[in-house]
């Protein structure tokens, strides 16, 4: 299943990833809109 990762600070969809689990992913990634590393959650 392909899911988008949303920035929790600004809400922009910066990344997509493949996952086989139905759980929400929480990953710390770089957001080019916020210009820093923020928490990103999957949009399941």
PDB file of N, CA and C in Angstrom:
ATOM      1  N   UNK A   1       0.832  -1.161   0.000  1.00  0.00           N
ATOM      2  CA  UNK A   1       0.000   0.000   0.000  1.00  0.00           C
ATOM      3  C   UNK A   1       0.894   1.249   0.000  1.00  0.00           C
ATOM      4  N   UNK A   2       0.563   2.187  -0.855  1.00  0.00           N
ATOM      5  CA  UNK A   2       1.332   3.418  -0.961  1.00  0.00           C
ATOM      6  C   UNK A   2       0.651   4.496  -0.111  1.00  0.00           C
ATOM      7  N   UNK A   3       1.400   5.123   0.804  1.00  0.00           N
ATOM      8  CA  UNK A   3       0.838   6.155   1.671  1.00  0.00           C
ATOM      9  C   UNK A   3       1.673   7.429   1.574  1.00  0.00           C
ATOM     10  N   UNK A   4       1.031   8.565   1.785  1.00  0.00           N
ATOM     11  CA  UNK A   4       1.713   9.854   1.801  1.00  0.00           C
ATOM     12  C   UNK A   4       2.074  10.198   3.240  1.00  0.00           C
ATOM     13  N   UNK A   5       3.207  10.884   3.413  1.00  0.00           N
ATOM     14  CA  UNK A   5       3.621  11.332   4.735  1.00  0.00           C
ATOM     15  C   UNK A   5       3.359  12.823   4.850  1.00  0.00           C
ATOM     16  N   UNK A   6       2.577  13.209   5.862  1.00  0.00           N
ATOM     17  CA  UNK A   6       2.185  14.597   6.077  1.00  0.00           C
ATOM     18  C   UNK A   6       3.018  15.210   7.193  1.00  0.00           C
ATOM     19  N   UNK A   7       3.477  16.428   6.984  1.00  0.00           N
ATOM     20  CA  UNK A   7       4.194  17.175   8.016  1.00  0.00           C
ATOM     21  C   UNK A   7       3.180  17.588   9.078  1.00  0.00           C
ATOM     22  N   UNK A   8       3.502  17.379  10.349  1.00  0.00           N
ATOM     23  CA  UNK A   8       2.580  17.747  11.419  1.00  0.00           C
ATOM     24  C   UNK A   8       2.590  19.242  11.691  1.00  0.00           C
ATOM     25  N   UNK A   9       3.614  19.949  11.248  1.00  0.00           N
ATOM     26  CA  UNK A   9       3.705  21.392  11.477  1.00  0.00           C
ATOM     27  C   UNK A   9       2.892  22.179  10.446  1.00  0.00           C
ATOM     28  N   UNK A  10       3.119  21.925   9.162  1.00  0.00           N
ATOM     29  CA  UNK A  10       2.478  22.726   8.115  1.00  0.00           C
ATOM     30  C   UNK A  10       1.430  21.949   7.312  1.00  0.00           C
ATOM     31  N   UNK A  11       1.422  20.622   7.403  1.00  0.00           N
ATOM     32  CA  UNK A  11       0.416  19.819   6.710  1.00  0.00           C
ATOM     33  C   UNK A  11       0.740  19.478   5.268  1.00  0.00           C
ATOM     34  N   UNK A  12       1.937  19.824   4.787  1.00  0.00           N
ATOM     35  CA  UNK A  12       2.269  19.520   3.393  1.00  0.00           C
ATOM     36  C   UNK A  12       2.653  18.051   3.237  1.00  0.00           C
ATOM     37  N   UNK A  13       2.338  17.503   2.064  1.00  0.00           N
ATOM     38  CA  UNK A  13       2.664  16.117   1.753  1.00  0.00           C
ATOM     39  C   UNK A  13       4.009  16.102   1.059  1.00  0.00           C
ATOM     40  N   UNK A  14       5.058  15.716   1.789  1.00  0.00           N
ATOM     41  CA  UNK A  14       6.418  15.795   1.282  1.00  0.00           C
ATOM     42  C   UNK A  14       6.952  14.468   0.746  1.00  0.00           C
ATOM     43  N   UNK A  15       6.506  13.362   1.290  1.00  0.00           N
ATOM     44  CA  UNK A  15       7.067  12.060   0.949  1.00  0.00           C
ATOM     45  C   UNK A  15       5.964  11.045   0.736  1.00  0.00           C
ATOM     46  N   UNK A  16       6.267   9.997  -0.028  1.00  0.00           N
ATOM     47  CA  UNK A  16       5.408   8.824  -0.138  1.00  0.00           C
ATOM     48  C   UNK A  16       6.247   7.603   0.189  1.00  0.00           C
ATOM     49  N   UNK A  17       5.609   6.579   0.695  1.00  0.00           N
ATOM     50  CA  UNK A  17       6.316   5.360   1.054  1.00  0.00           C
ATOM     51  C   UNK A  17       5.405   4.161   0.850  1.00  0.00           C
ATOM     52  N   UNK A  18       6.003   3.006   0.726  1.00  0.00           N
ATOM     53  CA  UNK A  18       5.279   1.742   0.614  1.00  0.00           C
ATOM     54  C   UNK A  18       5.250   1.087   1.986  1.00  0.00           C
ATOM     55  N   UNK A  19       4.088   0.577   2.393  1.00  0.00           N
ATOM     56  CA  UNK A  19       3.992  -0.130   3.656  1.00  0.00           C
ATOM     57  C   UNK A  19       3.019  -1.288   3.518  1.00  0.00           C
ATOM     58  N   UNK A  20       3.214  -2.296   4.319  1.00  0.00           N
ATOM     59  CA  UNK A  20       2.336  -3.459   4.317  1.00  0.00           C
ATOM     60  C   UNK A  20       1.493  -3.507   5.578  1.00  0.00           C
ATOM     61  N   UNK A  21       1.729  -2.570   6.498  1.00  0.00           N
ATOM     62  CA  UNK A  21       1.015  -2.544   7.769  1.00  0.00           C
ATOM     63  C   UNK A  21      -0.109  -1.519   7.720  1.00  0.00           C
ATOM     64  N   UNK A  22      -1.123  -1.717   8.525  1.00  0.00           N
ATOM     65  CA  UNK A  22      -2.241  -0.781   8.583  1.00  0.00           C
ATOM     66  C   UNK A  22      -2.072   0.225   9.715  1.00  0.00           C
ATOM     67  N   UNK A  23      -0.906   0.211  10.362  1.00  0.00           N
ATOM     68  CA  UNK A  23      -0.643   1.144  11.453  1.00  0.00           C
ATOM     69  C   UNK A  23      -0.176   2.475  10.888  1.00  0.00           C
ATOM     70  N   UNK A  24      -0.322   3.531  11.687  1.00  0.00           N
ATOM     71  CA  UNK A  24       0.173   4.847  11.286  1.00  0.00           C
ATOM     72  C   UNK A  24       1.668   4.907  11.498  1.00  0.00           C
ATOM     73  N   UNK A  25       2.372   5.382  10.493  1.00  0.00           N
ATOM     74  CA  UNK A  25       3.808   5.597  10.601  1.00  0.00           C
ATOM     75  C   UNK A  25       4.061   6.984  11.158  1.00  0.00           C
ATOM     76  N   UNK A  26       5.044   7.100  12.044  1.00  0.00           N
ATOM     77  CA  UNK A  26       5.475   8.399  12.561  1.00  0.00           C
ATOM     78  C   UNK A  26       6.986   8.442  12.395  1.00  0.00           C
ATOM     79  N   UNK A  27       7.449   9.308  11.484  1.00  0.00           N
ATOM     80  CA  UNK A  27       8.860   9.378  11.128  1.00  0.00           C
ATOM     81  C   UNK A  27       9.311  10.829  11.190  1.00  0.00           C
ATOM     82  N   UNK A  28      10.521  11.055  11.652  1.00  0.00           N
ATOM     83  CA  UNK A  28      11.078  12.399  11.643  1.00  0.00           C
ATOM     84  C   UNK A  28      11.845  12.583  10.335  1.00  0.00           C
ATOM     85  N   UNK A  29      11.357  13.512   9.486  1.00  0.00           N
ATOM     86  CA  UNK A  29      11.943  13.762   8.173  1.00  0.00           C
ATOM     87  C   UNK A  29      12.133  15.262   7.982  1.00  0.00           C
ATOM     88  N   UNK A  30      12.901  15.624   6.950  1.00  0.00           N
ATOM     89  CA  UNK A  30      13.124  17.026   6.625  1.00  0.00           C
ATOM     90  C   UNK A  30      11.938  17.562   5.823  1.00  0.00           C
ATOM     91  N   UNK A  31      11.416  18.715   6.237  1.00  0.00           N
ATOM     92  CA  UNK A  31      10.335  19.383   5.525  1.00  0.00           C
ATOM     93  C   UNK A  31      10.902  20.621   4.855  1.00  0.00           C
ATOM     94  N   UNK A  32      10.812  20.687   3.513  1.00  0.00           N
ATOM     95  CA  UNK A  32      11.367  21.825   2.800  1.00  0.00           C
ATOM     96  C   UNK A  32      10.517  23.078   2.978  1.00  0.00           C
ATOM     97  N   UNK A  33       9.248  22.924   3.327  1.00  0.00           N
ATOM     98  CA  UNK A  33       8.393  24.079   3.580  1.00  0.00           C
ATOM     99  C   UNK A  33       8.742  24.736   4.917  1.00  0.00           C
ATOM    100  N   UNK A  34       8.929  23.915   5.957  1.00  0.00           N
ATOM    101  CA  UNK A  34       9.290  24.428   7.284  1.00  0.00           C
ATOM    102  C   UNK A  34      10.792  24.718   7.384  1.00  0.00           C
ATOM    103  N   UNK A  35      11.573  24.150   6.477  1.00  0.00           N
ATOM    104  CA  UNK A  35      13.027  24.323   6.428  1.00  0.00           C
ATOM    105  C   UNK A  35      13.726  23.727   7.655  1.00  0.00           C
ATOM    106  N   UNK A  36      13.196  22.612   8.165  1.00  0.00           N
ATOM    107  CA  UNK A  36      13.803  21.907   9.307  1.00  0.00           C
ATOM    108  C   UNK A  36      13.229  20.501   9.405  1.00  0.00           C
ATOM    109  N   UNK A  37      13.791  19.701  10.299  1.00  0.00           N
ATOM    110  CA  UNK A  37      13.297  18.343  10.527  1.00  0.00           C
ATOM    111  C   UNK A  37      12.063  18.408  11.422  1.00  0.00           C
ATOM    112  N   UNK A  38      10.989  17.769  10.964  1.00  0.00           N
ATOM    113  CA  UNK A  38       9.735  17.723  11.718  1.00  0.00           C
ATOM    114  C   UNK A  38       9.191  16.298  11.708  1.00  0.00           C
ATOM    115  N   UNK A  39       8.185  16.060  12.519  1.00  0.00           N
ATOM    116  CA  UNK A  39       7.528  14.758  12.562  1.00  0.00           C
ATOM    117  C   UNK A  39       6.548  14.664  11.399  1.00  0.00           C
ATOM    118  N   UNK A  40       6.598  13.538  10.685  1.00  0.00           N
ATOM    119  CA  UNK A  40       5.685  13.258   9.582  1.00  0.00           C
ATOM    120  C   UNK A  40       4.869  12.031   9.920  1.00  0.00           C
ATOM    121  N   UNK A  41       3.559  12.086   9.665  1.00  0.00           N
ATOM    122  CA  UNK A  41       2.664  10.961   9.917  1.00  0.00           C
ATOM    123  C   UNK A  41       2.056  10.482   8.615  1.00  0.00           C
ATOM    124  N   UNK A  42       1.771   9.191   8.557  1.00  0.00           N
ATOM    125  CA  UNK A  42       1.176   8.637   7.344  1.00  0.00           C
ATOM    126  C   UNK A  42      -0.309   8.997   7.300  1.00  0.00           C
ATOM    127  N   UNK A  43      -0.815   9.128   6.100  1.00  0.00           N
ATOM    128  CA  UNK A  43      -2.219   9.500   5.904  1.00  0.00           C
ATOM    129  C   UNK A  43      -3.025   8.277   5.496  1.00  0.00           C
ATOM    130  N   UNK A  44      -3.275   7.400   6.436  1.00  0.00           N
ATOM    131  CA  UNK A  44      -4.048   6.170   6.168  1.00  0.00           C
ATOM    132  C   UNK A  44      -5.511   6.445   6.410  1.00  0.00           C
TER     133      UNK A  44
END
